[in-house]
């Protein structure tokens, strides 16, 4: 389970990790701000199980298709549950069923304002689970990250360049990283 302030880079972090392990794990990204039926439909579509075959199915049939997958291949499936701001009974039911059938590993990306009782219900469905809160970097952490990225890009910055970068990004790790991505190689 992953939480943190809006825009801190929770989904970007998971997408980056998914690209790095794509030979071993297959990531399915589901927008949990949508209905449980839409989550099932979109997840099945990402698994290339056809939109037109599932378009008119009920939530129960869609959930059944998702929990009883017969996927060929050696890659373990990871369901990334993104944008969890509120958890309905149907979504809890979906997560519980998916977890019981052991088809997926889960990454839950929750909004910081998710109510504690909803967070506890979700965690209960995903036990055992690890809970991580992403936050802005401290000034020293930002300086260390900037120095490492300068080294990786084979650049020797002046200390004032590092200070300017750290001050302008306010400890936002993606802001520091994006700065280096914008530099021509």
C-alpha atoms as a PDB file:
ATOM      1  CA  UNK A   1       0.000   0.000   0.000  1.00  0.00           C
ATOM      2  CA  UNK A   2       1.364   3.352  -1.066  1.00  0.00           C
ATOM      3  CA  UNK A   3       0.135   6.788  -0.027  1.00  0.00           C
ATOM      4  CA  UNK A   4       1.350  10.363  -0.043  1.00  0.00           C
ATOM      5  CA  UNK A   5       0.461  13.870  -1.105  1.00  0.00           C
ATOM      6  CA  UNK A   6      -1.215  14.408  -4.464  1.00  0.00           C
ATOM      7  CA  UNK A   7       1.422  14.798  -7.175  1.00  0.00           C
ATOM      8  CA  UNK A   8       4.278  13.319  -5.129  1.00  0.00           C
ATOM      9  CA  UNK A   9       4.807  10.631  -7.771  1.00  0.00           C
ATOM     10  CA  UNK A  10       3.173   7.493  -6.376  1.00  0.00           C
ATOM     11  CA  UNK A  11       1.835   6.268  -9.724  1.00  0.00           C
ATOM     12  CA  UNK A  12       4.968   7.401 -11.569  1.00  0.00           C
ATOM     13  CA  UNK A  13       7.084   5.383  -9.146  1.00  0.00           C
ATOM     14  CA  UNK A  14       4.998   2.243  -9.702  1.00  0.00           C
ATOM     15  CA  UNK A  15       5.042   2.726 -13.506  1.00  0.00           C
ATOM     16  CA  UNK A  16       8.834   3.111 -13.384  1.00  0.00           C
ATOM     17  CA  UNK A  17       9.157  -0.087 -11.345  1.00  0.00           C
ATOM     18  CA  UNK A  18       6.789  -1.912 -13.715  1.00  0.00           C
ATOM     19  CA  UNK A  19       9.026  -1.069 -16.692  1.00  0.00           C
ATOM     20  CA  UNK A  20      12.067  -2.372 -14.837  1.00  0.00           C
ATOM     21  CA  UNK A  21      10.535  -5.754 -13.987  1.00  0.00           C
ATOM     22  CA  UNK A  22       8.335  -6.317 -17.042  1.00  0.00           C
ATOM     23  CA  UNK A  23      10.104  -9.575 -17.934  1.00  0.00           C
ATOM     24  CA  UNK A  24       8.982 -11.135 -14.645  1.00  0.00           C
ATOM     25  CA  UNK A  25       5.786  -9.311 -13.678  1.00  0.00           C
ATOM     26  CA  UNK A  26       2.812  -8.090 -15.709  1.00  0.00           C
ATOM     27  CA  UNK A  27       1.292  -4.914 -14.275  1.00  0.00           C
ATOM     28  CA  UNK A  28      -2.396  -4.121 -14.769  1.00  0.00           C
ATOM     29  CA  UNK A  29      -3.311  -0.529 -13.825  1.00  0.00           C
ATOM     30  CA  UNK A  30      -6.886  -0.090 -12.597  1.00  0.00           C
ATOM     31  CA  UNK A  31      -8.456   3.281 -11.811  1.00  0.00           C
ATOM     32  CA  UNK A  32     -10.240   2.728  -8.491  1.00  0.00           C
ATOM     33  CA  UNK A  33     -12.038   6.054  -8.739  1.00  0.00           C
ATOM     34  CA  UNK A  34     -14.351   4.219 -11.176  1.00  0.00           C
ATOM     35  CA  UNK A  35     -17.035   1.657 -10.426  1.00  0.00           C
ATOM     36  CA  UNK A  36     -16.145  -1.944  -9.600  1.00  0.00           C
ATOM     37  CA  UNK A  37     -17.702  -3.038 -12.899  1.00  0.00           C
ATOM     38  CA  UNK A  38     -15.555  -0.555 -14.859  1.00  0.00           C
ATOM     39  CA  UNK A  39     -12.451  -1.709 -12.955  1.00  0.00           C
ATOM     40  CA  UNK A  40     -13.126  -5.316 -13.964  1.00  0.00           C
ATOM     41  CA  UNK A  41     -13.843  -4.385 -17.590  1.00  0.00           C
ATOM     42  CA  UNK A  42     -10.700  -2.281 -17.955  1.00  0.00           C
ATOM     43  CA  UNK A  43      -8.534  -4.907 -16.234  1.00  0.00           C
ATOM     44  CA  UNK A  44      -9.817  -7.645 -18.540  1.00  0.00           C
ATOM     45  CA  UNK A  45      -9.244  -5.385 -21.553  1.00  0.00           C
ATOM     46  CA  UNK A  46      -5.621  -4.776 -20.451  1.00  0.00           C
ATOM     47  CA  UNK A  47      -5.212  -8.548 -20.313  1.00  0.00           C
ATOM     48  CA  UNK A  48      -6.356  -8.614 -23.970  1.00  0.00           C
ATOM     49  CA  UNK A  49      -9.527 -10.503 -23.194  1.00  0.00           C
ATOM     50  CA  UNK A  50     -11.607  -8.296 -25.491  1.00  0.00           C
ATOM     51  CA  UNK A  51     -13.853  -5.328 -24.762  1.00  0.00           C
ATOM     52  CA  UNK A  52     -16.770  -6.454 -26.919  1.00  0.00           C
ATOM     53  CA  UNK A  53     -16.982  -9.860 -25.200  1.00  0.00           C
ATOM     54  CA  UNK A  54     -17.295  -8.223 -21.781  1.00  0.00           C
ATOM     55  CA  UNK A  55     -19.226  -5.082 -22.619  1.00  0.00           C
ATOM     56  CA  UNK A  56     -22.683  -6.328 -21.577  1.00  0.00           C
ATOM     57  CA  UNK A  57     -21.691  -8.552 -18.658  1.00  0.00           C
ATOM     58  CA  UNK A  58     -22.795  -7.857 -15.096  1.00  0.00           C
ATOM     59  CA  UNK A  59     -20.330  -7.009 -12.340  1.00  0.00           C
ATOM     60  CA  UNK A  60     -20.559 -10.546 -10.907  1.00  0.00           C
ATOM     61  CA  UNK A  61     -19.739 -12.158 -14.258  1.00  0.00           C
ATOM     62  CA  UNK A  62     -16.879  -9.731 -14.866  1.00  0.00           C
ATOM     63  CA  UNK A  63     -15.499 -10.374 -11.376  1.00  0.00           C
ATOM     64  CA  UNK A  64     -15.773 -14.113 -11.983  1.00  0.00           C
ATOM     65  CA  UNK A  65     -13.864 -13.826 -15.278  1.00  0.00           C
ATOM     66  CA  UNK A  66     -11.152 -11.804 -13.552  1.00  0.00           C
ATOM     67  CA  UNK A  67     -10.810 -14.140 -10.572  1.00  0.00           C
ATOM     68  CA  UNK A  68     -10.765 -17.305 -12.702  1.00  0.00           C
ATOM     69  CA  UNK A  69      -8.217 -16.226 -15.291  1.00  0.00           C
ATOM     70  CA  UNK A  70      -6.351 -18.816 -17.277  1.00  0.00           C
ATOM     71  CA  UNK A  71      -3.354 -16.756 -18.338  1.00  0.00           C
ATOM     72  CA  UNK A  72      -0.611 -18.550 -20.214  1.00  0.00           C
ATOM     73  CA  UNK A  73       2.917 -17.465 -19.399  1.00  0.00           C
ATOM     74  CA  UNK A  74       5.304 -17.266 -16.524  1.00  0.00           C
ATOM     75  CA  UNK A  75       4.837 -13.638 -15.535  1.00  0.00           C
ATOM     76  CA  UNK A  76       3.020 -13.054 -12.228  1.00  0.00           C
ATOM     77  CA  UNK A  77       0.150 -10.543 -12.467  1.00  0.00           C
ATOM     78  CA  UNK A  78       0.237  -7.373 -10.384  1.00  0.00           C
ATOM     79  CA  UNK A  79      -2.954  -5.356 -10.057  1.00  0.00           C
ATOM     80  CA  UNK A  80      -2.172  -1.707  -9.361  1.00  0.00           C
ATOM     81  CA  UNK A  81      -5.213  -0.177  -7.711  1.00  0.00           C
ATOM     82  CA  UNK A  82      -4.739   3.531  -8.390  1.00  0.00           C
ATOM     83  CA  UNK A  83      -6.646   6.603  -7.158  1.00  0.00           C
ATOM     84  CA  UNK A  84      -8.227   4.970  -4.113  1.00  0.00           C
ATOM     85  CA  UNK A  85     -10.082   7.856  -2.502  1.00  0.00           C
ATOM     86  CA  UNK A  86     -13.137   5.946  -1.319  1.00  0.00           C
ATOM     87  CA  UNK A  87     -13.795   2.232  -0.968  1.00  0.00           C
ATOM     88  CA  UNK A  88     -17.293   0.939  -1.662  1.00  0.00           C
ATOM     89  CA  UNK A  89     -18.587  -2.444  -0.491  1.00  0.00           C
ATOM     90  CA  UNK A  90     -18.425  -3.672  -4.111  1.00  0.00           C
ATOM     91  CA  UNK A  91     -14.756  -2.699  -4.433  1.00  0.00           C
ATOM     92  CA  UNK A  92     -13.895  -4.378  -1.113  1.00  0.00           C
ATOM     93  CA  UNK A  93     -15.740  -7.474  -2.351  1.00  0.00           C
ATOM     94  CA  UNK A  94     -13.740  -7.381  -5.599  1.00  0.00           C
ATOM     95  CA  UNK A  95     -10.381  -7.054  -3.840  1.00  0.00           C
ATOM     96  CA  UNK A  96     -11.267  -9.790  -1.353  1.00  0.00           C
ATOM     97  CA  UNK A  97     -12.276 -12.188  -4.151  1.00  0.00           C
ATOM     98  CA  UNK A  98      -9.199 -11.432  -6.240  1.00  0.00           C
ATOM     99  CA  UNK A  99      -6.951 -11.970  -3.238  1.00  0.00           C
ATOM    100  CA  UNK A 100      -8.646 -15.270  -2.320  1.00  0.00           C
ATOM    101  CA  UNK A 101      -8.053 -16.689  -5.806  1.00  0.00           C
ATOM    102  CA  UNK A 102      -4.341 -15.769  -5.718  1.00  0.00           C
ATOM    103  CA  UNK A 103      -4.302 -14.610  -9.353  1.00  0.00           C
ATOM    104  CA  UNK A 104      -2.749 -11.247  -8.527  1.00  0.00           C
ATOM    105  CA  UNK A 105      -0.259  -9.464  -6.333  1.00  0.00           C
ATOM    106  CA  UNK A 106      -1.495  -6.011  -5.365  1.00  0.00           C
ATOM    107  CA  UNK A 107      -0.259  -2.452  -5.128  1.00  0.00           C
ATOM    108  CA  UNK A 108      -2.832  -0.108  -3.640  1.00  0.00           C
ATOM    109  CA  UNK A 109      -2.199   3.593  -4.295  1.00  0.00           C
ATOM    110  CA  UNK A 110      -4.374   5.456  -1.833  1.00  0.00           C
ATOM    111  CA  UNK A 111      -5.170   9.111  -1.523  1.00  0.00           C
ATOM    112  CA  UNK A 112      -3.932  10.738   1.648  1.00  0.00           C
ATOM    113  CA  UNK A 113      -7.469  11.708   2.650  1.00  0.00           C
ATOM    114  CA  UNK A 114      -8.822   8.126   2.555  1.00  0.00           C
ATOM    115  CA  UNK A 115     -10.674   7.608   5.832  1.00  0.00           C
ATOM    116  CA  UNK A 116      -8.906   5.414   8.381  1.00  0.00           C
ATOM    117  CA  UNK A 117     -11.775   2.910   8.599  1.00  0.00           C
ATOM    118  CA  UNK A 118     -11.733   2.483   4.797  1.00  0.00           C
ATOM    119  CA  UNK A 119      -7.955   2.127   4.825  1.00  0.00           C
ATOM    120  CA  UNK A 120      -8.233  -0.526   7.544  1.00  0.00           C
ATOM    121  CA  UNK A 121     -10.887  -2.441   5.575  1.00  0.00           C
ATOM    122  CA  UNK A 122      -8.677  -2.414   2.489  1.00  0.00           C
ATOM    123  CA  UNK A 123      -5.593  -3.477   4.456  1.00  0.00           C
ATOM    124  CA  UNK A 124      -7.632  -6.308   5.961  1.00  0.00           C
ATOM    125  CA  UNK A 125      -8.335  -7.631   2.457  1.00  0.00           C
ATOM    126  CA  UNK A 126      -4.668  -7.446   1.462  1.00  0.00           C
ATOM    127  CA  UNK A 127      -2.982  -8.973   4.519  1.00  0.00           C
ATOM    128  CA  UNK A 128      -0.110  -9.360   4.793  1.00  0.00           C
ATOM    129  CA  UNK A 129       0.657  -5.879   3.544  1.00  0.00           C
ATOM    130  CA  UNK A 130       3.305  -3.185   3.740  1.00  0.00           C
ATOM    131  CA  UNK A 131       2.257   0.451   4.127  1.00  0.00           C
ATOM    132  CA  UNK A 132       4.483   3.207   2.701  1.00  0.00           C
ATOM    133  CA  UNK A 133       3.973   6.971   2.809  1.00  0.00           C
ATOM    134  CA  UNK A 134       5.856   9.004   0.194  1.00  0.00           C
ATOM    135  CA  UNK A 135       6.754  12.547   1.112  1.00  0.00           C
ATOM    136  CA  UNK A 136       8.924  15.396  -0.052  1.00  0.00           C
ATOM    137  CA  UNK A 137      12.646  15.067   0.483  1.00  0.00           C
ATOM    138  CA  UNK A 138      14.439  17.011   3.178  1.00  0.00           C
ATOM    139  CA  UNK A 139      16.929  19.623   2.042  1.00  0.00           C
ATOM    140  CA  UNK A 140      19.875  17.263   2.687  1.00  0.00           C
ATOM    141  CA  UNK A 141      18.150  14.388   0.848  1.00  0.00           C
ATOM    142  CA  UNK A 142      17.426  16.702  -2.083  1.00  0.00           C
ATOM    143  CA  UNK A 143      21.066  17.785  -2.242  1.00  0.00           C
ATOM    144  CA  UNK A 144      22.216  14.153  -2.128  1.00  0.00           C
ATOM    145  CA  UNK A 145      19.801  13.159  -4.910  1.00  0.00           C
ATOM    146  CA  UNK A 146      20.855  16.115  -7.081  1.00  0.00           C
ATOM    147  CA  UNK A 147      24.546  15.289  -6.574  1.00  0.00           C
ATOM    148  CA  UNK A 148      23.976  11.660  -7.548  1.00  0.00           C
ATOM    149  CA  UNK A 149      22.003  12.615 -10.638  1.00  0.00           C
ATOM    150  CA  UNK A 150      24.704  15.092 -11.657  1.00  0.00           C
ATOM    151  CA  UNK A 151      27.267  12.260 -11.299  1.00  0.00           C
ATOM    152  CA  UNK A 152      25.130   9.845 -13.328  1.00  0.00           C
ATOM    153  CA  UNK A 153      24.903  12.468 -16.064  1.00  0.00           C
ATOM    154  CA  UNK A 154      28.704  12.981 -15.943  1.00  0.00           C
ATOM    155  CA  UNK A 155      28.431  16.618 -14.925  1.00  0.00           C
ATOM    156  CA  UNK A 156      30.327  18.593 -12.310  1.00  0.00           C
ATOM    157  CA  UNK A 157      27.994  21.258 -11.022  1.00  0.00           C
ATOM    158  CA  UNK A 158      28.854  24.275  -8.986  1.00  0.00           C
ATOM    159  CA  UNK A 159      27.427  24.135  -5.458  1.00  0.00           C
ATOM    160  CA  UNK A 160      25.189  27.100  -6.307  1.00  0.00           C
ATOM    161  CA  UNK A 161      23.626  25.053  -9.171  1.00  0.00           C
ATOM    162  CA  UNK A 162      22.739  22.299  -6.724  1.00  0.00           C
ATOM    163  CA  UNK A 163      21.348  24.820  -4.225  1.00  0.00           C
ATOM    164  CA  UNK A 164      19.263  26.487  -6.945  1.00  0.00           C
ATOM    165  CA  UNK A 165      17.854  23.149  -8.116  1.00  0.00           C
ATOM    166  CA  UNK A 166      17.012  22.032  -4.571  1.00  0.00           C
ATOM    167  CA  UNK A 167      15.396  25.375  -3.733  1.00  0.00           C
ATOM    168  CA  UNK A 168      13.351  25.515  -6.929  1.00  0.00           C
ATOM    169  CA  UNK A 169      11.978  21.962  -6.594  1.00  0.00           C
ATOM    170  CA  UNK A 170      11.056  22.242  -2.881  1.00  0.00           C
ATOM    171  CA  UNK A 171      12.099  18.638  -2.166  1.00  0.00           C
ATOM    172  CA  UNK A 172       9.904  17.213  -4.913  1.00  0.00           C
ATOM    173  CA  UNK A 173      11.836  14.148  -6.141  1.00  0.00           C
ATOM    174  CA  UNK A 174      10.150  14.001  -9.552  1.00  0.00           C
ATOM    175  CA  UNK A 175      10.925  17.681 -10.091  1.00  0.00           C
ATOM    176  CA  UNK A 176      14.616  16.995  -9.539  1.00  0.00           C
ATOM    177  CA  UNK A 177      14.511  13.968 -11.833  1.00  0.00           C
ATOM    178  CA  UNK A 178      12.586  15.821 -14.558  1.00  0.00           C
ATOM    179  CA  UNK A 179      15.202  18.573 -14.515  1.00  0.00           C
ATOM    180  CA  UNK A 180      17.833  16.009 -15.494  1.00  0.00           C
ATOM    181  CA  UNK A 181      15.591  14.467 -18.129  1.00  0.00           C
ATOM    182  CA  UNK A 182      15.237  17.899 -19.752  1.00  0.00           C
ATOM    183  CA  UNK A 183      18.997  18.395 -20.107  1.00  0.00           C
ATOM    184  CA  UNK A 184      20.204  17.524 -23.609  1.00  0.00           C
ATOM    185  CA  UNK A 185      22.674  14.649 -23.560  1.00  0.00           C
END
